[in-house]
Structures are given as C-alpha cells and as structure tokens.
Amino acid sequence: MAKRSSKHDLNTLAKSIVDQATGEAEDFLAKAQAEGKNIAAVALGRLGGLKGGKARAAKLSAEKRREIAKKAAKARWAKKK
C-alpha cells in the first residue's frame, strides 16, 4: 500500500500556526475546564486517542487486519441508500 502524502499534515500544521498567531486557537484543556470536566482525564484520554489506532494496528496480525477490513467492507456495502 502506498504511503499517503504528508501534504495534509503540513496544511494542518500551517492552520494551527495561523490560528495561534491570530488568537483563534482554543486550548482543549481550557475548553474542558469550562465544561466542568476533569482536566487530567481529558488529557489522558486525548493522549490515548492520538496513539490508539496505530498501536492497535501494530498489535494485530495481517490475517486479523484482513478479517476486520472484510467485515467493514461488507458493512459499507450492506447499507441501504
């Protein structure tokens, strides 16, 4: 499988830099605190979420990944429009 272009990552980085420079960036911890959430739990959940998919994929065997992909494809094609 071909690797995806890193163009998206550069665009995301550029947008975040502009948002920070213009003051439009909203800190997710400040937002969580305003909503009355536990900041430590939010940070820990975000940390796990950022690495979760990659870590799971690394643990799976090729056969298991293939089974998961087949099941997902069947579910997509089974949807009624």
Protein backbone atom coordinates (compact mmCIF):
# COMPACT_ATOMS: atom_id res chain seq x y z
CA MET A 1 0.00 0.00 0.00
CA ALA A 2 1.37 3.40 -0.95
CA LYS A 3 2.05 5.88 1.80
CA ARG A 4 -0.15 8.90 1.94
CA SER A 5 1.19 12.32 1.19
CA SER A 6 2.26 14.41 4.13
CA LYS A 7 0.64 17.45 2.49
CA HIS A 8 -2.34 17.15 4.82
CA ASP A 9 -0.05 17.22 7.84
CA LEU A 10 1.69 20.36 6.56
CA ASN A 11 -1.65 22.05 5.93
CA THR A 12 -2.86 21.14 9.41
CA LEU A 13 0.34 22.47 10.92
CA ALA A 14 0.08 25.71 8.93
CA LYS A 15 -3.53 26.22 10.02
CA SER A 16 -2.68 25.65 13.67
CA ILE A 17 0.18 28.18 13.44
CA VAL A 18 -2.12 30.80 11.89
CA ASP A 19 -4.83 30.10 14.49
CA GLN A 20 -2.33 30.51 17.32
CA ALA A 21 -0.91 33.70 15.83
CA THR A 22 -4.35 35.25 15.41
CA GLY A 23 -5.62 34.06 18.78
CA GLU A 24 -8.31 31.86 17.25
CA ALA A 25 -6.88 28.61 18.60
CA GLU A 26 -8.87 27.23 21.51
CA ASP A 27 -6.96 25.18 24.04
CA PHE A 28 -8.74 21.86 24.51
CA LEU A 29 -7.84 21.81 28.22
CA ALA A 30 -9.34 25.27 28.78
CA LYS A 31 -12.48 24.20 26.94
CA ALA A 32 -12.73 21.02 29.04
CA GLN A 33 -12.29 23.02 32.25
CA ALA A 34 -15.04 25.42 31.20
CA GLU A 35 -17.34 22.43 30.64
CA GLY A 36 -16.58 21.16 34.15
CA LYS A 37 -14.60 18.11 33.07
CA ASN A 38 -11.61 16.64 34.88
CA ILE A 39 -8.59 18.11 33.08
CA ALA A 40 -6.31 15.17 33.90
CA ALA A 41 -8.84 12.71 32.50
CA VAL A 42 -9.27 14.78 29.33
CA ALA A 43 -5.51 14.96 28.76
CA LEU A 44 -5.08 11.24 29.36
CA GLY A 45 -7.96 10.39 27.03
CA ARG A 46 -6.53 12.60 24.31
CA LEU A 47 -3.11 11.00 24.68
CA GLY A 48 -4.60 7.54 24.26
CA GLY A 49 -6.76 8.68 21.37
CA LEU A 50 -3.83 10.09 19.47
CA LYS A 51 -1.90 6.83 19.51
CA GLY A 52 -4.75 4.33 19.81
CA GLY A 53 -5.33 3.31 16.20
CA LYS A 54 -1.67 2.99 15.33
CA ALA A 55 -0.92 1.00 18.47
CA ARG A 56 -3.85 -1.34 17.81
CA ALA A 57 -2.82 -1.88 14.19
CA ALA A 58 0.73 -2.69 15.24
CA LYS A 59 -0.52 -5.45 17.56
CA LEU A 60 -2.79 -7.12 15.02
CA SER A 61 -1.63 -9.86 12.72
CA ALA A 62 -2.06 -9.46 8.97
CA GLU A 63 -4.81 -12.10 9.00
CA LYS A 64 -6.77 -10.30 11.73
CA ARG A 65 -6.45 -6.93 9.95
CA ARG A 66 -7.73 -8.60 6.78
CA GLU A 67 -10.76 -10.01 8.63
CA ILE A 68 -11.55 -6.59 10.12
CA ALA A 69 -11.26 -4.94 6.70
CA LYS A 70 -13.57 -7.54 5.09
CA LYS A 71 -16.16 -7.06 7.83
CA ALA A 72 -16.01 -3.27 7.39
CA ALA A 73 -16.38 -3.55 3.61
CA LYS A 74 -19.39 -5.84 3.96
CA ALA A 75 -20.99 -3.38 6.39
CA ARG A 76 -20.43 -0.47 3.97
CA TRP A 77 -21.87 -2.34 1.00
CA ALA A 78 -24.83 -3.64 3.02
CA LYS A 79 -26.11 -0.14 3.81
CA LYS A 80 -29.35 0.82 2.09
CA LYS A 81 -29.36 4.21 0.43
